[in-house]
PDB file of N, CA and C in Angstrom:
ATOM      1  N   MET A   1      79.726 129.986 120.006  1.00  0.00           N
ATOM      2  CA  MET A   1      79.830 130.505 121.121  1.00  0.00           C
ATOM      3  C   MET A   1      81.032 129.457 122.246  1.00  0.00           C
ATOM      4  N   PRO A   2      81.998 130.338 122.524  1.00  0.00           N
ATOM      5  CA  PRO A   2      83.259 129.938 123.449  1.00  0.00           C
ATOM      6  C   PRO A   2      82.840 129.328 124.783  1.00  0.00           C
ATOM      7  N   LEU A   3      83.064 127.927 124.624  1.00  0.00           N
ATOM      8  CA  LEU A   3      83.146 127.187 125.868  1.00  0.00           C
ATOM      9  C   LEU A   3      83.453 128.167 127.128  1.00  0.00           C
ATOM     10  N   GLU A   4      83.462 127.935 128.594  1.00  0.00           N
ATOM     11  CA  GLU A   4      83.777 128.925 129.340  1.00  0.00           C
ATOM     12  C   GLU A   4      85.813 128.475 129.719  1.00  0.00           C
ATOM     13  N   GLY A   5      86.149 130.028 129.948  1.00  0.00           N
ATOM     14  CA  GLY A   5      87.740 129.328 130.054  1.00  0.00           C
ATOM     15  C   GLY A   5      88.172 128.938 128.481  1.00  0.00           C
ATOM     16  N   HIS A   6      87.844 129.176 127.266  1.00  0.00           N
ATOM     17  CA  HIS A   6      88.899 127.989 126.339  1.00  0.00           C
ATOM     18  C   HIS A   6      89.408 129.605 125.722  1.00  0.00           C
ATOM     19  N   THR A   7      89.009 130.504 125.212  1.00  0.00           N
ATOM     20  CA  THR A   7      90.016 131.269 125.625  1.00  0.00           C
ATOM     21  C   THR A   7      91.006 131.585 126.151  1.00  0.00           C
ATOM     22  N   ASP A   8      91.106 131.678 127.162  1.00  0.00           N
ATOM     23  CA  ASP A   8      92.066 131.923 128.190  1.00  0.00           C
ATOM     24  C   ASP A   8      92.509 129.817 127.113  1.00  0.00           C
ATOM     25  N   ARG A   9      92.342 129.319 128.037  1.00  0.00           N
ATOM     26  CA  ARG A   9      93.533 128.655 127.202  1.00  0.00           C
ATOM     27  C   ARG A   9      94.134 128.257 125.946  1.00  0.00           C
ATOM     28  N   VAL A  10      93.818 128.275 125.148  1.00  0.00           N
ATOM     29  CA  VAL A  10      93.918 128.872 123.523  1.00  0.00           C
ATOM     30  C   VAL A  10      94.715 129.710 123.305  1.00  0.00           C
ATOM     31  N   ALA A  11      94.449 130.913 124.631  1.00  0.00           N
ATOM     32  CA  ALA A  11      94.963 132.219 123.987  1.00  0.00           C
ATOM     33  C   ALA A  11      96.886 131.678 125.388  1.00  0.00           C
ATOM     34  N   THR A  12      97.065 130.682 125.739  1.00  0.00           N
ATOM     35  CA  THR A  12      98.150 130.591 127.052  1.00  0.00           C
ATOM     36  C   THR A  12      99.049 129.833 125.853  1.00  0.00           C
ATOM     37  N   PRO A  13     100.109 130.394 126.184  1.00  0.00           N
ATOM     38  CA  PRO A  13     101.510 130.153 125.641  1.00  0.00           C
ATOM     39  C   PRO A  13     101.977 128.385 125.759  1.00  0.00           C
ATOM     40  N   LEU A  14     102.159 128.022 124.978  1.00  0.00           N
ATOM     41  CA  LEU A  14     102.946 126.310 124.896  1.00  0.00           C
ATOM     42  C   LEU A  14     103.920 126.850 126.206  1.00  0.00           C
ATOM     43  N   SER A  15     103.624 125.171 127.071  1.00  0.00           N
ATOM     44  CA  SER A  15     105.024 125.168 128.155  1.00  0.00           C
ATOM     45  C   SER A  15     105.994 124.777 127.948  1.00  0.00           C
ATOM     46  N   GLY A  16     107.231 125.155 128.194  1.00  0.00           N
ATOM     47  CA  GLY A  16     108.978 124.297 127.535  1.00  0.00           C
ATOM     48  C   GLY A  16     108.207 122.479 127.176  1.00  0.00           C
ATOM     49  N   ARG A  17     108.258 121.779 128.216  1.00  0.00           N
ATOM     50  CA  ARG A  17     108.047 121.208 128.824  1.00  0.00           C
ATOM     51  C   ARG A  17     107.118 120.537 126.839  1.00  0.00           C
ATOM     52  N   ASP A  18     105.753 120.980 126.502  1.00  0.00           N
ATOM     53  CA  ASP A  18     105.670 120.878 124.753  1.00  0.00           C
ATOM     54  C   ASP A  18     106.253 121.387 124.157  1.00  0.00           C
ATOM     55  N   ARG A  19     107.349 122.836 124.297  1.00  0.00           N
ATOM     56  CA  ARG A  19     107.619 122.679 123.197  1.00  0.00           C
ATOM     57  C   ARG A  19     109.024 121.979 122.881  1.00  0.00           C
ATOM     58  N   ARG A  20     109.397 121.310 124.064  1.00  0.00           N
ATOM     59  CA  ARG A  20     111.043 119.932 124.296  1.00  0.00           C
ATOM     60  C   ARG A  20     110.005 118.777 123.466  1.00  0.00           C
ATOM     61  N   PHE A  21     109.135 118.394 123.048  1.00  0.00           N
ATOM     62  CA  PHE A  21     108.226 117.511 123.139  1.00  0.00           C
ATOM     63  C   PHE A  21     107.924 117.256 121.533  1.00  0.00           C
ATOM     64  N   ILE A  22     107.390 119.175 120.850  1.00  0.00           N
ATOM     65  CA  ILE A  22     107.458 119.263 119.593  1.00  0.00           C
ATOM     66  C   ILE A  22     109.075 118.759 118.503  1.00  0.00           C
ATOM     67  N   ALA A  23     109.624 119.974 119.122  1.00  0.00           N
ATOM     68  CA  ALA A  23     111.469 119.924 118.821  1.00  0.00           C
ATOM     69  C   ALA A  23     111.420 118.799 118.500  1.00  0.00           C
ATOM     70  N   ILE A  24     111.425 117.340 119.698  1.00  0.00           N
ATOM     71  CA  ILE A  24     112.278 116.119 119.322  1.00  0.00           C
ATOM     72  C   ILE A  24     111.698 115.607 118.779  1.00  0.00           C
ATOM     73  N   ILE A  25     109.626 115.840 118.222  1.00  0.00           N
ATOM     74  CA  ILE A  25     109.258 115.615 117.335  1.00  0.00           C
ATOM     75  C   ILE A  25     109.647 115.675 115.858  1.00  0.00           C
ATOM     76  N   ALA A  26     109.903 117.158 115.562  1.00  0.00           N
ATOM     77  CA  ALA A  26     109.865 117.427 114.456  1.00  0.00           C
ATOM     78  C   ALA A  26     112.125 117.074 114.445  1.00  0.00           C
ATOM     79  N   CYS A  27     112.641 116.488 115.194  1.00  0.00           N
ATOM     80  CA  CYS A  27     113.803 116.243 114.941  1.00  0.00           C
ATOM     81  C   CYS A  27     113.661 114.714 113.833  1.00  0.00           C
ATOM     82  N   LEU A  28     113.265 114.115 115.373  1.00  0.00           N
ATOM     83  CA  LEU A  28     112.706 112.779 114.732  1.00  0.00           C
ATOM     84  C   LEU A  28     112.534 112.651 112.792  1.00  0.00           C
ATOM     85  N   PHE A  29     111.417 113.751 113.199  1.00  0.00           N
ATOM     86  CA  PHE A  29     111.054 113.772 111.413  1.00  0.00           C
ATOM     87  C   PHE A  29     111.855 113.964 110.702  1.00  0.00           C
ATOM     88  N   VAL A  30     112.477 114.988 110.731  1.00  0.00           N
ATOM     89  CA  VAL A  30     114.224 115.701 109.555  1.00  0.00           C
ATOM     90  C   VAL A  30     114.906 113.934 110.175  1.00  0.00           C
ATOM     91  N   LEU A  31     115.069 113.967 110.214  1.00  0.00           N
ATOM     92  CA  LEU A  31     116.180 112.643 110.388  1.00  0.00           C
ATOM     93  C   LEU A  31     115.094 111.228 110.214  1.00  0.00           C
ATOM     94  N   GLY A  32     114.300 111.197 109.460  1.00  0.00           N
ATOM     95  CA  GLY A  32     114.094 110.370 109.397  1.00  0.00           C
ATOM     96  C   GLY A  32     113.452 110.032 107.382  1.00  0.00           C
ATOM     97  N   ALA A  33     113.731 111.764 107.418  1.00  0.00           N
ATOM     98  CA  ALA A  33     113.080 111.678 106.118  1.00  0.00           C
ATOM     99  C   ALA A  33     114.737 112.031 105.588  1.00  0.00           C
ATOM    100  N   ALA A  34     115.299 112.676 106.356  1.00  0.00           N
ATOM    101  CA  ALA A  34     116.980 112.806 105.892  1.00  0.00           C
ATOM    102  C   ALA A  34     117.585 111.194 105.381  1.00  0.00           C
ATOM    103  N   ALA A  35     117.049 109.831 106.795  1.00  0.00           N
ATOM    104  CA  ALA A  35     117.640 107.949 106.669  1.00  0.00           C
ATOM    105  C   ALA A  35     117.142 108.157 105.458  1.00  0.00           C
ATOM    106  N   CYS A  36     115.750 108.162 104.795  1.00  0.00           N
ATOM    107  CA  CYS A  36     115.281 107.589 103.488  1.00  0.00           C
ATOM    108  C   CYS A  36     115.628 108.272 102.382  1.00  0.00           C
ATOM    109  N   VAL A  37     116.173 109.666 102.862  1.00  0.00           N
ATOM    110  CA  VAL A  37     117.005 110.014 100.765  1.00  0.00           C
ATOM    111  C   VAL A  37     118.327 109.316 101.519  1.00  0.00           C
ATOM    112  N   PHE A  38     118.930 109.045 101.918  1.00  0.00           N
ATOM    113  CA  PHE A  38     120.107 108.138 102.213  1.00  0.00           C
ATOM    114  C   PHE A  38     119.940 106.999 101.253  1.00  0.00           C
ATOM    115  N   ALA A  39     118.847 106.749 101.482  1.00  0.00           N
ATOM    116  CA  ALA A  39     118.760 105.011 101.374  1.00  0.00           C
ATOM    117  C   ALA A  39     118.582 104.935 100.458  1.00  0.00           C
ATOM    118  N   TYR A  40     116.852 105.745  99.489  1.00  0.00           N
ATOM    119  CA  TYR A  40     117.209 106.272  98.012  1.00  0.00           C
ATOM    120  C   TYR A  40     118.107 105.840  97.502  1.00  0.00           C
ATOM    121  N   ILE A  41     119.581 107.610  97.318  1.00  0.00           N
ATOM    122  CA  ILE A  41     120.557 108.136  97.243  1.00  0.00           C
ATOM    123  C   ILE A  41     121.609 106.680  96.676  1.00  0.00           C
ATOM    124  N   ASN A  42     121.751 106.185  97.869  1.00  0.00           N
ATOM    125  CA  ASN A  42     122.804 105.467  97.988  1.00  0.00           C
ATOM    126  C   ASN A  42     122.848 103.861  97.651  1.00  0.00           C
ATOM    127  N   HIS A  43     121.269 103.046  96.938  1.00  0.00           N
ATOM    128  CA  HIS A  43     120.276 102.377  96.566  1.00  0.00           C
ATOM    129  C   HIS A  43     120.812 102.147  95.639  1.00  0.00           C
ATOM    130  N   PRO A  44     122.037 101.216  94.927  1.00  0.00           N
ATOM    131  CA  PRO A  44     122.144 100.734  93.670  1.00  0.00           C
ATOM    132  C   PRO A  44     121.220 100.107  93.060  1.00  0.00           C
ATOM    133  N   ALA A  45     121.003 100.327  91.850  1.00  0.00           N
ATOM    134  CA  ALA A  45     119.806 100.345  91.097  1.00  0.00           C
ATOM    135  C   ALA A  45     121.052  98.604  90.345  1.00  0.00           C
ATOM    136  N   ILE A  46     119.632  97.860  89.761  1.00  0.00           N
ATOM    137  CA  ILE A  46     119.899  96.060  89.809  1.00  0.00           C
ATOM    138  C   ILE A  46     118.997  96.688  88.481  1.00  0.00           C
ATOM    139  N   PRO A  47     120.018  96.050  86.717  1.00  0.00           N
ATOM    140  CA  PRO A  47     119.105  96.033  85.721  1.00  0.00           C
ATOM    141  C   PRO A  47     118.090  95.188  85.747  1.00  0.00           C
ATOM    142  N   SER A  48     117.060  95.299  85.634  1.00  0.00           N
ATOM    143  CA  SER A  48     115.488  94.195  85.969  1.00  0.00           C
ATOM    144  C   SER A  48     115.671  92.983  84.597  1.00  0.00           C
ATOM    145  N   GLY A  49     116.462  93.587  82.844  1.00  0.00           N
ATOM    146  CA  GLY A  49     116.693  92.472  82.033  1.00  0.00           C
ATOM    147  C   GLY A  49     117.843  91.547  82.635  1.00  0.00           C
ATOM    148  N   LYS A  50     119.256  91.740  83.118  1.00  0.00           N
ATOM    149  CA  LYS A  50     120.104  91.331  83.782  1.00  0.00           C
ATOM    150  C   LYS A  50     120.168  89.598  83.336  1.00  0.00           C
ATOM    151  N   GLY A  51     120.483  88.758  83.070  1.00  0.00           N
ATOM    152  CA  GLY A  51     120.539  87.652  83.336  1.00  0.00           C
ATOM    153  C   GLY A  51     119.049  86.961  83.127  1.00  0.00           C
ATOM    154  N   CYS A  52     118.669  87.607  82.620  1.00  0.00           N
ATOM    155  CA  CYS A  52     117.270  86.774  82.917  1.00  0.00           C
ATOM    156  C   CYS A  52     116.971  86.921  80.835  1.00  0.00           C
ATOM    157  N   VAL A  53     116.042  85.541  81.274  1.00  0.00           N
ATOM    158  CA  VAL A  53     115.360  85.549  79.671  1.00  0.00           C
ATOM    159  C   VAL A  53     113.637  85.550  79.398  1.00  0.00           C
ATOM    160  N   VAL A  54     113.001  86.913  78.990  1.00  0.00           N
ATOM    161  CA  VAL A  54     111.842  87.377  79.370  1.00  0.00           C
ATOM    162  C   VAL A  54     111.747  86.390  77.621  1.00  0.00           C
ATOM    163  N   VAL A  55     110.818  86.276  77.173  1.00  0.00           N
ATOM    164  CA  VAL A  55     109.865  85.703  75.369  1.00  0.00           C
ATOM    165  C   VAL A  55     108.359  85.546  75.153  1.00  0.00           C
ATOM    166  N   THR A  56     107.895  85.609  75.051  1.00  0.00           N
ATOM    167  CA  THR A  56     106.509  86.018  74.643  1.00  0.00           C
ATOM    168  C   THR A  56     106.027  84.346  73.569  1.00  0.00           C
ATOM    169  N   VAL A  57     105.418  83.731  74.163  1.00  0.00           N
ATOM    170  CA  VAL A  57     104.942  82.618  73.165  1.00  0.00           C
ATOM    171  C   VAL A  57     103.778  81.676  73.597  1.00  0.00           C
ATOM    172  N   ALA A  58     102.763  81.335  72.388  1.00  0.00           N
ATOM    173  CA  ALA A  58     101.810  81.814  72.491  1.00  0.00           C
ATOM    174  C   ALA A  58     101.494  80.306  73.595  1.00  0.00           C
ATOM    175  N   SER A  59     100.140  79.549  73.695  1.00  0.00           N
ATOM    176  CA  SER A  59      99.489  79.005  74.713  1.00  0.00           C
ATOM    177  C   SER A  59      98.260  78.550  75.212  1.00  0.00           C
ATOM    178  N   SER A  60      97.944  78.232  75.619  1.00  0.00           N
ATOM    179  CA  SER A  60      96.459  77.050  75.250  1.00  0.00           C
ATOM    180  C   SER A  60      95.132  78.231  75.204  1.00  0.00           C
ATOM    181  N   LEU A  61      95.841  79.478  75.893  1.00  0.00           N
ATOM    182  CA  LEU A  61      95.177  80.868  76.432  1.00  0.00           C
ATOM    183  C   LEU A  61      95.135  81.540  76.012  1.00  0.00           C
ATOM    184  N   GLY A  62      95.858  81.746  74.660  1.00  0.00           N
ATOM    185  CA  GLY A  62      96.294  83.126  74.371  1.00  0.00           C
ATOM    186  C   GLY A  62      97.419  83.561  73.586  1.00  0.00           C
ATOM    187  N   GLY A  63      98.089  83.910  74.889  1.00  0.00           N
ATOM    188  CA  GLY A  63      99.585  84.477  74.716  1.00  0.00           C
ATOM    189  C   GLY A  63     100.650  84.007  76.612  1.00  0.00           C
ATOM    190  N   THR A  64     101.206  83.884  76.127  1.00  0.00           N
ATOM    191  CA  THR A  64     102.158  84.202  78.212  1.00  0.00           C
ATOM    192  C   THR A  64     103.684  84.524  78.189  1.00  0.00           C
ATOM    193  N   THR A  65     104.266  85.143  79.041  1.00  0.00           N
ATOM    194  CA  THR A  65     105.471  85.602  79.119  1.00  0.00           C
ATOM    195  C   THR A  65     105.784  84.902  79.873  1.00  0.00           C
ATOM    196  N   LEU A  66     106.833  83.996  79.566  1.00  0.00           N
ATOM    197  CA  LEU A  66     108.179  83.803  80.385  1.00  0.00           C
ATOM    198  C   LEU A  66     108.941  83.784  80.988  1.00  0.00           C
ATOM    199  N   ARG A  67     109.652  84.015  82.507  1.00  0.00           N
ATOM    200  CA  ARG A  67     110.800  84.704  82.477  1.00  0.00           C
ATOM    201  C   ARG A  67     110.851  83.547  83.355  1.00  0.00           C
ATOM    202  N   ASN A  68     112.714  84.125  83.361  1.00  0.00           N
ATOM    203  CA  ASN A  68     113.378  82.982  83.897  1.00  0.00           C
ATOM    204  C   ASN A  68     114.704  83.879  83.465  1.00  0.00           C
ATOM    205  N   CYS A  69     114.936  83.310  85.281  1.00  0.00           N
ATOM    206  CA  CYS A  69     116.750  84.368  85.119  1.00  0.00           C
ATOM    207  C   CYS A  69     117.401  83.204  86.102  1.00  0.00           C
ATOM    208  N   GLY A  70     119.093  84.055  85.433  1.00  0.00           N
ATOM    209  CA  GLY A  70     120.318  82.595  86.130  1.00  0.00           C
ATOM    210  C   GLY A  70     119.889  81.669  86.164  1.00  0.00           C
ATOM    211  N   PRO A  71     120.507  80.813  86.517  1.00  0.00           N
ATOM    212  CA  PRO A  71     120.236  79.435  86.729  1.00  0.00           C
ATOM    213  C   PRO A  71     118.834  78.650  86.215  1.00  0.00           C
ATOM    214  N   ALA A  72     117.904  79.455  85.833  1.00  0.00           N
ATOM    215  CA  ALA A  72     116.576  78.771  85.680  1.00  0.00           C
ATOM    216  C   ALA A  72     117.104  79.291  84.241  1.00  0.00           C
ATOM    217  N   ALA A  73     117.272  80.161  83.836  1.00  0.00           N
ATOM    218  CA  ALA A  73     117.072  80.471  82.434  1.00  0.00           C
ATOM    219  C   ALA A  73     118.440  79.391  81.722  1.00  0.00           C
ATOM    220  N   LYS A  74     119.378  78.941  82.280  1.00  0.00           N
ATOM    221  CA  LYS A  74     120.686  78.706  81.610  1.00  0.00           C
ATOM    222  C   LYS A  74     119.393  77.723  81.283  1.00  0.00           C
ATOM    223  N   ARG A  75     118.789  76.073  82.610  1.00  0.00           N
ATOM    224  CA  ARG A  75     118.031  74.785  82.055  1.00  0.00           C
ATOM    225  C   ARG A  75     117.135  75.514  81.232  1.00  0.00           C
ATOM    226  N   PHE A  76     116.395  76.113  81.688  1.00  0.00           N
ATOM    227  CA  PHE A  76     115.524  76.578  80.558  1.00  0.00           C
ATOM    228  C   PHE A  76     115.990  77.019  79.002  1.00  0.00           C
ATOM    229  N   CYS A  77     116.693  77.159  78.811  1.00  0.00           N
ATOM    230  CA  CYS A  77     117.287  77.484  76.923  1.00  0.00           C
ATOM    231  C   CYS A  77     117.656  76.135  77.210  1.00  0.00           C
ATOM    232  N   ARG A  78     118.141  75.651  77.606  1.00  0.00           N
ATOM    233  CA  ARG A  78     118.541  74.095  77.051  1.00  0.00           C
ATOM    234  C   ARG A  78     117.749  72.638  76.536  1.00  0.00           C
ATOM    235  N   SER A  79     116.828  73.730  77.754  1.00  0.00           N
ATOM    236  CA  SER A  79     115.698  72.487  76.879  1.00  0.00           C
ATOM    237  C   SER A  79     114.561  73.288  75.889  1.00  0.00           C
ATOM    238  N   GLU A  80     113.892  74.187  76.282  1.00  0.00           N
ATOM    239  CA  GLU A  80     112.972  74.525  75.244  1.00  0.00           C
ATOM    240  C   GLU A  80     113.851  75.330  73.756  1.00  0.00           C
ATOM    241  N   GLY A  81     114.614  75.576  74.019  1.00  0.00           N
ATOM    242  CA  GLY A  81     115.665  76.939  72.697  1.00  0.00           C
ATOM    243  C   GLY A  81     115.695  76.037  71.756  1.00  0.00           C
ATOM    244  N   LYS A  82     115.655  75.136  71.723  1.00  0.00           N
ATOM    245  CA  LYS A  82     115.516  74.395  69.841  1.00  0.00           C
ATOM    246  C   LYS A  82     114.538  74.302  69.705  1.00  0.00           C
ATOM    247  N   LEU A  83     113.208  74.110  70.762  1.00  0.00           N
ATOM    248  CA  LEU A  83     111.860  73.657  70.218  1.00  0.00           C
ATOM    249  C   LEU A  83     111.035  74.820  70.082  1.00  0.00           C
ATOM    250  N   ASN A  84     111.993  75.846  70.195  1.00  0.00           N
ATOM    251  CA  ASN A  84     110.880  77.254  69.239  1.00  0.00           C
ATOM    252  C   ASN A  84     111.388  78.618  69.371  1.00  0.00           C
ATOM    253  N   GLY A  85     111.394  79.002  67.918  1.00  0.00           N
ATOM    254  CA  GLY A  85     112.348  79.556  67.414  1.00  0.00           C
ATOM    255  C   GLY A  85     112.516  81.176  68.300  1.00  0.00           C
ATOM    256  N   ASP A  86     111.539  81.967  69.181  1.00  0.00           N
ATOM    257  CA  ASP A  86     111.432  82.756  70.074  1.00  0.00           C
ATOM    258  C   ASP A  86     112.109  82.631  71.146  1.00  0.00           C
ATOM    259  N   ILE A  87     111.998  80.775  71.297  1.00  0.00           N
ATOM    260  CA  ILE A  87     112.805  81.362  72.918  1.00  0.00           C
ATOM    261  C   ILE A  87     114.148  81.211  72.111  1.00  0.00           C
ATOM    262  N   ALA A  88     115.027  80.628  71.531  1.00  0.00           N
ATOM    263  CA  ALA A  88     115.759  80.695  70.422  1.00  0.00           C
ATOM    264  C   ALA A  88     117.145  82.176  70.549  1.00  0.00           C
ATOM    265  N   VAL A  89     116.515  83.257  70.092  1.00  0.00           N
ATOM    266  CA  VAL A  89     116.426  84.477  69.559  1.00  0.00           C
ATOM    267  C   VAL A  89     116.212  84.636  71.288  1.00  0.00           C
ATOM    268  N   ALA A  90     115.645  84.422  72.391  1.00  0.00           N
ATOM    269  CA  ALA A  90     115.811  85.701  73.579  1.00  0.00           C
ATOM    270  C   ALA A  90     116.726  84.529  74.172  1.00  0.00           C
ATOM    271  N   CYS A  91     117.048  83.513  74.966  1.00  0.00           N
ATOM    272  CA  CYS A  91     118.370  83.172  74.481  1.00  0.00           C
ATOM    273  C   CYS A  91     119.335  83.749  74.456  1.00  0.00           C
ATOM    274  N   GLN A  92     119.532  83.145  73.255  1.00  0.00           N
ATOM    275  CA  GLN A  92     121.072  83.609  72.382  1.00  0.00           C
ATOM    276  C   GLN A  92     121.124  84.814  72.666  1.00  0.00           C
ATOM    277  N   ARG A  93     120.491  86.193  72.638  1.00  0.00           N
ATOM    278  CA  ARG A  93     120.402  86.855  73.131  1.00  0.00           C
ATOM    279  C   ARG A  93     120.632  87.810  74.356  1.00  0.00           C
ATOM    280  N   GLU A  94     120.869  86.931  75.625  1.00  0.00           N
ATOM    281  CA  GLU A  94     120.887  86.929  76.648  1.00  0.00           C
ATOM    282  C   GLU A  94     122.419  86.227  77.096  1.00  0.00           C
ATOM    283  N   GLY A  95     122.788  85.209  75.647  1.00  0.00           N
ATOM    284  CA  GLY A  95     123.943  84.658  76.190  1.00  0.00           C
ATOM    285  C   GLY A  95     124.032  83.183  76.622  1.00  0.00           C
ATOM    286  N   TYR A  96     122.414  82.747  76.200  1.00  0.00           N
ATOM    287  CA  TYR A  96     122.136  81.180  76.717  1.00  0.00           C
ATOM    288  C   TYR A  96     122.713  80.325  75.922  1.00  0.00           C
ATOM    289  N   ALA A  97     123.358  79.142  76.268  1.00  0.00           N
ATOM    290  CA  ALA A  97     123.093  78.416  74.566  1.00  0.00           C
ATOM    291  C   ALA A  97     122.150  77.163  75.078  1.00  0.00           C
ATOM    292  N   LEU A  98     122.259  76.735  73.745  1.00  0.00           N
ATOM    293  CA  LEU A  98     120.400  75.991  73.159  1.00  0.00           C
ATOM    294  C   LEU A  98     121.480  75.153  73.345  1.00  0.00           C
ATOM    295  N   GLY A  99     120.221  73.466  73.635  1.00  0.00           N
ATOM    296  CA  GLY A  99     120.925  72.135  73.560  1.00  0.00           C
ATOM    297  C   GLY A  99     120.574  70.891  74.426  1.00  0.00           C
ATOM    298  N   PRO A 100     120.610  70.411  74.771  1.00  0.00           N
ATOM    299  CA  PRO A 100     120.377  69.760  75.292  1.00  0.00           C
ATOM    300  C   PRO A 100     121.450  69.443  77.384  1.00  0.00           C
ATOM    301  N   ILE A 101     120.554  69.202  77.952  1.00  0.00           N
ATOM    302  CA  ILE A 101     120.889  69.276  79.798  1.00  0.00           C
ATOM    303  C   ILE A 101     121.985  68.306  79.813  1.00  0.00           C
ATOM    304  N   ARG A 102     123.324  68.418  80.075  1.00  0.00           N
ATOM    305  CA  ARG A 102     124.381  67.737  80.632  1.00  0.00           C
ATOM    306  C   ARG A 102     123.930  67.114  81.966  1.00  0.00           C
ATOM    307  N   ALA A 103     124.192  65.899  82.011  1.00  0.00           N
ATOM    308  CA  ALA A 103     124.221  65.905  83.818  1.00  0.00           C
ATOM    309  C   ALA A 103     125.211  66.697  84.335  1.00  0.00           C
ATOM    310  N   GLY A 104     124.674  67.275  85.842  1.00  0.00           N
ATOM    311  CA  GLY A 104     126.056  67.762  86.355  1.00  0.00           C
ATOM    312  C   GLY A 104     125.776  69.211  85.850  1.00  0.00           C
ATOM    313  N   GLY A 105     124.109  69.544  85.090  1.00  0.00           N
ATOM    314  CA  GLY A 105     123.682  71.402  84.992  1.00  0.00           C
ATOM    315  C   GLY A 105     124.259  72.204  84.149  1.00  0.00           C
TER     316      GLY A 105
END
């Protein structure tokens, strides 16, 4: 059973102020969605493995994945590359030199 005056309130058209408010909210939503799409399209994709040495090696608890990128990968390859064949292969694949760490990097 409807409440007294409820059908009149539901049947009354929206006022101009209410229409403007809904229009502004709808415009903000559309502009926000367009900005998200624009940002997604223009965001440059970065290759995930570029310059990174990723290798799985045996460890005390089974196996572990080691991931080093950039300068850390260079140091890792120089210090660990001669000790493990899998690490050496991963380092050579990315173009990092194997061998001792020299003073100054």
